[in-house]
Amino acid sequence: MITKEQKQQIIATFGSKPNDSGSAEVQIALLDARIKDLTEHFKVNKKDFHSRRGLIALVNQRKRLLEYLKKSNTDNYKKIIEKLGLRK
């Protein structure tokens, strides 16, 4: 689980304003943190198939937000890909 402090730190890092939790960049960063947390969970709990379905949904949601950001603001797309280390 992502703690409240971690969430606030992500919002401060990727948001354009202090309370900007709705922009695509912040949403992508929050989803990425949840995906990384679930990935660590699966290293211990290999047979947790119900949570795996949730992980797939999170990955697809992040993918859709990245596609939207790529169409609307290419510069921010490149910055967030680089900061999160998603693609090479």
N, C-alpha and C. Protein backbone atom coordinates (compact mmCIF):
# COMPACT_ATOMS: atom_id res chain seq x y z
N MET A 1 0.83 -1.17 0.00
CA MET A 1 0.00 0.00 0.00
C MET A 1 0.88 1.25 0.00
N ILE A 2 0.43 2.24 -0.67
CA ILE A 2 1.13 3.52 -0.70
C ILE A 2 0.64 4.34 0.49
N THR A 3 1.56 4.85 1.27
CA THR A 3 1.18 5.66 2.42
C THR A 3 0.77 7.06 1.97
N LYS A 4 0.11 7.76 2.86
CA LYS A 4 -0.34 9.12 2.57
C LYS A 4 0.85 10.04 2.28
N GLU A 5 1.94 9.84 3.01
CA GLU A 5 3.13 10.67 2.82
C GLU A 5 3.77 10.42 1.45
N GLN A 6 3.81 9.13 1.05
CA GLN A 6 4.36 8.80 -0.27
C GLN A 6 3.51 9.42 -1.37
N LYS A 7 2.20 9.36 -1.20
CA LYS A 7 1.29 9.92 -2.19
C LYS A 7 1.48 11.44 -2.30
N GLN A 8 1.61 12.11 -1.17
CA GLN A 8 1.84 13.55 -1.18
C GLN A 8 3.17 13.90 -1.83
N GLN A 9 4.18 13.08 -1.61
CA GLN A 9 5.48 13.32 -2.22
C GLN A 9 5.40 13.16 -3.74
N ILE A 10 4.68 12.15 -4.21
CA ILE A 10 4.52 11.94 -5.65
C ILE A 10 3.77 13.11 -6.27
N ILE A 11 2.72 13.58 -5.59
CA ILE A 11 1.94 14.72 -6.09
C ILE A 11 2.82 15.96 -6.14
N ALA A 12 3.66 16.18 -5.13
CA ALA A 12 4.55 17.34 -5.11
C ALA A 12 5.59 17.25 -6.22
N THR A 13 6.06 16.04 -6.52
CA THR A 13 7.10 15.87 -7.53
C THR A 13 6.55 16.05 -8.94
N PHE A 14 5.42 15.45 -9.23
CA PHE A 14 4.92 15.43 -10.60
C PHE A 14 3.82 16.45 -10.88
N GLY A 15 3.24 17.05 -9.86
CA GLY A 15 2.15 18.00 -10.05
C GLY A 15 2.64 19.37 -10.42
N SER A 16 1.78 20.12 -11.09
CA SER A 16 2.14 21.49 -11.45
C SER A 16 1.84 22.45 -10.30
N LYS A 17 0.88 22.07 -9.43
CA LYS A 17 0.52 22.85 -8.24
C LYS A 17 0.63 21.93 -7.03
N PRO A 18 0.63 22.49 -5.81
CA PRO A 18 0.77 21.63 -4.62
C PRO A 18 -0.34 20.60 -4.45
N ASN A 19 -1.57 20.92 -4.82
CA ASN A 19 -2.68 19.99 -4.64
C ASN A 19 -3.16 19.42 -5.97
N ASP A 20 -2.29 19.31 -6.93
CA ASP A 20 -2.66 18.83 -8.27
C ASP A 20 -2.61 17.31 -8.30
N SER A 21 -3.75 16.69 -7.99
CA SER A 21 -3.78 15.22 -8.00
C SER A 21 -4.53 14.67 -9.20
N GLY A 22 -5.03 15.53 -10.07
CA GLY A 22 -5.84 15.08 -11.18
C GLY A 22 -5.16 15.10 -12.53
N SER A 23 -4.00 15.71 -12.63
CA SER A 23 -3.35 15.77 -13.94
C SER A 23 -2.87 14.39 -14.36
N ALA A 24 -2.71 14.22 -15.64
CA ALA A 24 -2.31 12.92 -16.17
C ALA A 24 -0.95 12.49 -15.65
N GLU A 25 -0.03 13.44 -15.49
CA GLU A 25 1.31 13.10 -15.02
C GLU A 25 1.26 12.52 -13.60
N VAL A 26 0.49 13.14 -12.73
CA VAL A 26 0.38 12.68 -11.35
C VAL A 26 -0.32 11.32 -11.30
N GLN A 27 -1.38 11.17 -12.09
CA GLN A 27 -2.09 9.89 -12.11
C GLN A 27 -1.18 8.76 -12.59
N ILE A 28 -0.38 9.02 -13.60
CA ILE A 28 0.55 8.01 -14.11
C ILE A 28 1.57 7.65 -13.04
N ALA A 29 2.10 8.65 -12.34
CA ALA A 29 3.10 8.39 -11.30
C ALA A 29 2.49 7.59 -10.14
N LEU A 30 1.27 7.91 -9.76
CA LEU A 30 0.61 7.17 -8.68
C LEU A 30 0.33 5.73 -9.09
N LEU A 31 -0.13 5.55 -10.32
CA LEU A 31 -0.36 4.19 -10.81
C LEU A 31 0.95 3.40 -10.86
N ASP A 32 2.02 4.06 -11.27
CA ASP A 32 3.32 3.39 -11.34
C ASP A 32 3.78 2.93 -9.95
N ALA A 33 3.54 3.75 -8.94
CA ALA A 33 3.92 3.37 -7.58
C ALA A 33 3.10 2.16 -7.12
N ARG A 34 1.80 2.15 -7.42
CA ARG A 34 0.96 1.02 -7.04
C ARG A 34 1.37 -0.24 -7.80
N ILE A 35 1.74 -0.10 -9.06
CA ILE A 35 2.17 -1.25 -9.86
C ILE A 35 3.46 -1.84 -9.29
N LYS A 36 4.40 -0.98 -8.93
CA LYS A 36 5.65 -1.47 -8.35
C LYS A 36 5.41 -2.17 -7.02
N ASP A 37 4.47 -1.63 -6.22
CA ASP A 37 4.13 -2.25 -4.94
C ASP A 37 3.52 -3.63 -5.15
N LEU A 38 2.61 -3.74 -6.10
CA LEU A 38 1.99 -5.04 -6.39
C LEU A 38 2.99 -6.03 -6.96
N THR A 39 3.94 -5.55 -7.74
CA THR A 39 4.95 -6.42 -8.31
C THR A 39 5.79 -7.06 -7.20
N GLU A 40 6.12 -6.27 -6.20
CA GLU A 40 6.85 -6.80 -5.04
C GLU A 40 5.99 -7.80 -4.28
N HIS A 41 4.70 -7.54 -4.19
CA HIS A 41 3.77 -8.46 -3.52
C HIS A 41 3.76 -9.82 -4.20
N PHE A 42 3.83 -9.82 -5.53
CA PHE A 42 3.77 -11.08 -6.28
C PHE A 42 5.06 -11.89 -6.18
N LYS A 43 6.15 -11.27 -5.81
CA LYS A 43 7.38 -12.02 -5.61
C LYS A 43 7.25 -12.95 -4.41
N VAL A 44 6.44 -12.55 -3.44
CA VAL A 44 6.23 -13.36 -2.24
C VAL A 44 5.00 -14.27 -2.41
N ASN A 45 3.93 -13.73 -2.99
CA ASN A 45 2.66 -14.45 -3.12
C ASN A 45 2.42 -14.80 -4.58
N LYS A 46 3.01 -15.87 -5.02
CA LYS A 46 2.96 -16.24 -6.43
C LYS A 46 1.58 -16.69 -6.89
N LYS A 47 0.75 -17.19 -5.98
CA LYS A 47 -0.55 -17.74 -6.37
C LYS A 47 -1.72 -16.78 -6.14
N ASP A 48 -1.43 -15.52 -5.93
CA ASP A 48 -2.48 -14.53 -5.70
C ASP A 48 -3.02 -14.04 -7.04
N PHE A 49 -3.92 -14.82 -7.63
CA PHE A 49 -4.41 -14.53 -8.96
C PHE A 49 -5.46 -13.42 -8.96
N HIS A 50 -6.16 -13.22 -7.86
CA HIS A 50 -7.17 -12.18 -7.81
C HIS A 50 -6.51 -10.79 -7.85
N SER A 51 -5.42 -10.64 -7.15
CA SER A 51 -4.71 -9.35 -7.18
C SER A 51 -4.01 -9.16 -8.52
N ARG A 52 -3.64 -10.25 -9.16
CA ARG A 52 -2.99 -10.15 -10.47
C ARG A 52 -3.92 -9.50 -11.49
N ARG A 53 -5.22 -9.80 -11.38
CA ARG A 53 -6.20 -9.18 -12.26
C ARG A 53 -6.23 -7.67 -12.05
N GLY A 54 -6.14 -7.24 -10.79
CA GLY A 54 -6.08 -5.82 -10.48
C GLY A 54 -4.82 -5.18 -11.03
N LEU A 55 -3.72 -5.90 -10.98
CA LEU A 55 -2.46 -5.38 -11.53
C LEU A 55 -2.59 -5.15 -13.03
N ILE A 56 -3.20 -6.08 -13.72
CA ILE A 56 -3.38 -5.93 -15.16
C ILE A 56 -4.26 -4.72 -15.47
N ALA A 57 -5.28 -4.50 -14.67
CA ALA A 57 -6.14 -3.33 -14.86
C ALA A 57 -5.36 -2.04 -14.64
N LEU A 58 -4.49 -2.01 -13.63
CA LEU A 58 -3.67 -0.81 -13.37
C LEU A 58 -2.70 -0.54 -14.51
N VAL A 59 -2.09 -1.59 -15.04
CA VAL A 59 -1.15 -1.44 -16.15
C VAL A 59 -1.89 -0.89 -17.38
N ASN A 60 -3.08 -1.40 -17.64
CA ASN A 60 -3.85 -0.91 -18.79
C ASN A 60 -4.28 0.53 -18.61
N GLN A 61 -4.66 0.91 -17.39
CA GLN A 61 -5.05 2.29 -17.14
C GLN A 61 -3.86 3.23 -17.33
N ARG A 62 -2.68 2.81 -16.84
CA ARG A 62 -1.48 3.63 -17.03
C ARG A 62 -1.15 3.77 -18.51
N LYS A 63 -1.34 2.68 -19.26
CA LYS A 63 -1.07 2.70 -20.69
C LYS A 63 -1.99 3.70 -21.40
N ARG A 64 -3.27 3.70 -21.04
CA ARG A 64 -4.22 4.64 -21.66
C ARG A 64 -3.86 6.08 -21.33
N LEU A 65 -3.48 6.34 -20.08
CA LEU A 65 -3.10 7.70 -19.70
C LEU A 65 -1.82 8.14 -20.43
N LEU A 66 -0.89 7.22 -20.61
CA LEU A 66 0.33 7.56 -21.35
C LEU A 66 0.02 7.87 -22.81
N GLU A 67 -0.89 7.12 -23.41
CA GLU A 67 -1.27 7.40 -24.79
C GLU A 67 -1.93 8.76 -24.91
N TYR A 68 -2.79 9.10 -23.94
CA TYR A 68 -3.43 10.41 -23.93
C TYR A 68 -2.39 11.52 -23.80
N LEU A 69 -1.44 11.35 -22.88
CA LEU A 69 -0.42 12.36 -22.66
C LEU A 69 0.47 12.51 -23.89
N LYS A 70 0.74 11.40 -24.57
CA LYS A 70 1.58 11.45 -25.77
C LYS A 70 0.90 12.27 -26.87
N LYS A 71 -0.43 12.12 -26.99
CA LYS A 71 -1.16 12.89 -28.00
C LYS A 71 -1.30 14.36 -27.63
N SER A 72 -1.52 14.64 -26.34
CA SER A 72 -1.82 16.01 -25.95
C SER A 72 -0.59 16.84 -25.63
N ASN A 73 0.44 16.24 -25.02
CA ASN A 73 1.62 17.02 -24.61
C ASN A 73 2.86 16.13 -24.68
N THR A 74 3.50 16.15 -25.82
CA THR A 74 4.64 15.26 -26.07
C THR A 74 5.81 15.53 -25.14
N ASP A 75 6.04 16.80 -24.81
CA ASP A 75 7.17 17.14 -23.94
C ASP A 75 7.00 16.53 -22.55
N ASN A 76 5.82 16.69 -21.97
CA ASN A 76 5.56 16.11 -20.65
C ASN A 76 5.60 14.59 -20.71
N TYR A 77 5.17 14.01 -21.81
CA TYR A 77 5.22 12.56 -21.99
C TYR A 77 6.67 12.07 -21.91
N LYS A 78 7.55 12.73 -22.63
CA LYS A 78 8.96 12.33 -22.63
C LYS A 78 9.58 12.50 -21.24
N LYS A 79 9.21 13.58 -20.54
CA LYS A 79 9.76 13.82 -19.21
C LYS A 79 9.32 12.75 -18.22
N ILE A 80 8.05 12.38 -18.26
CA ILE A 80 7.56 11.41 -17.29
C ILE A 80 8.08 10.02 -17.59
N ILE A 81 8.25 9.69 -18.86
CA ILE A 81 8.84 8.39 -19.23
C ILE A 81 10.28 8.31 -18.69
N GLU A 82 10.99 9.40 -18.82
CA GLU A 82 12.38 9.43 -18.35
C GLU A 82 12.46 9.37 -16.82
N LYS A 83 11.59 10.14 -16.13
CA LYS A 83 11.62 10.16 -14.67
C LYS A 83 11.25 8.81 -14.06
N LEU A 84 10.25 8.15 -14.64
CA LEU A 84 9.79 6.88 -14.09
C LEU A 84 10.57 5.69 -14.61
N GLY A 85 11.33 5.89 -15.68
CA GLY A 85 12.13 4.80 -16.24
C GLY A 85 11.27 3.71 -16.84
N LEU A 86 10.23 4.10 -17.58
CA LEU A 86 9.30 3.09 -18.12
C LEU A 86 9.80 2.45 -19.41
N ARG A 87 10.33 3.25 -20.31
CA ARG A 87 10.78 2.70 -21.59
C ARG A 87 12.23 3.07 -21.82
N LYS A 88 12.87 2.29 -22.66
CA LYS A 88 14.29 2.55 -22.93
C LYS A 88 14.50 3.19 -24.26
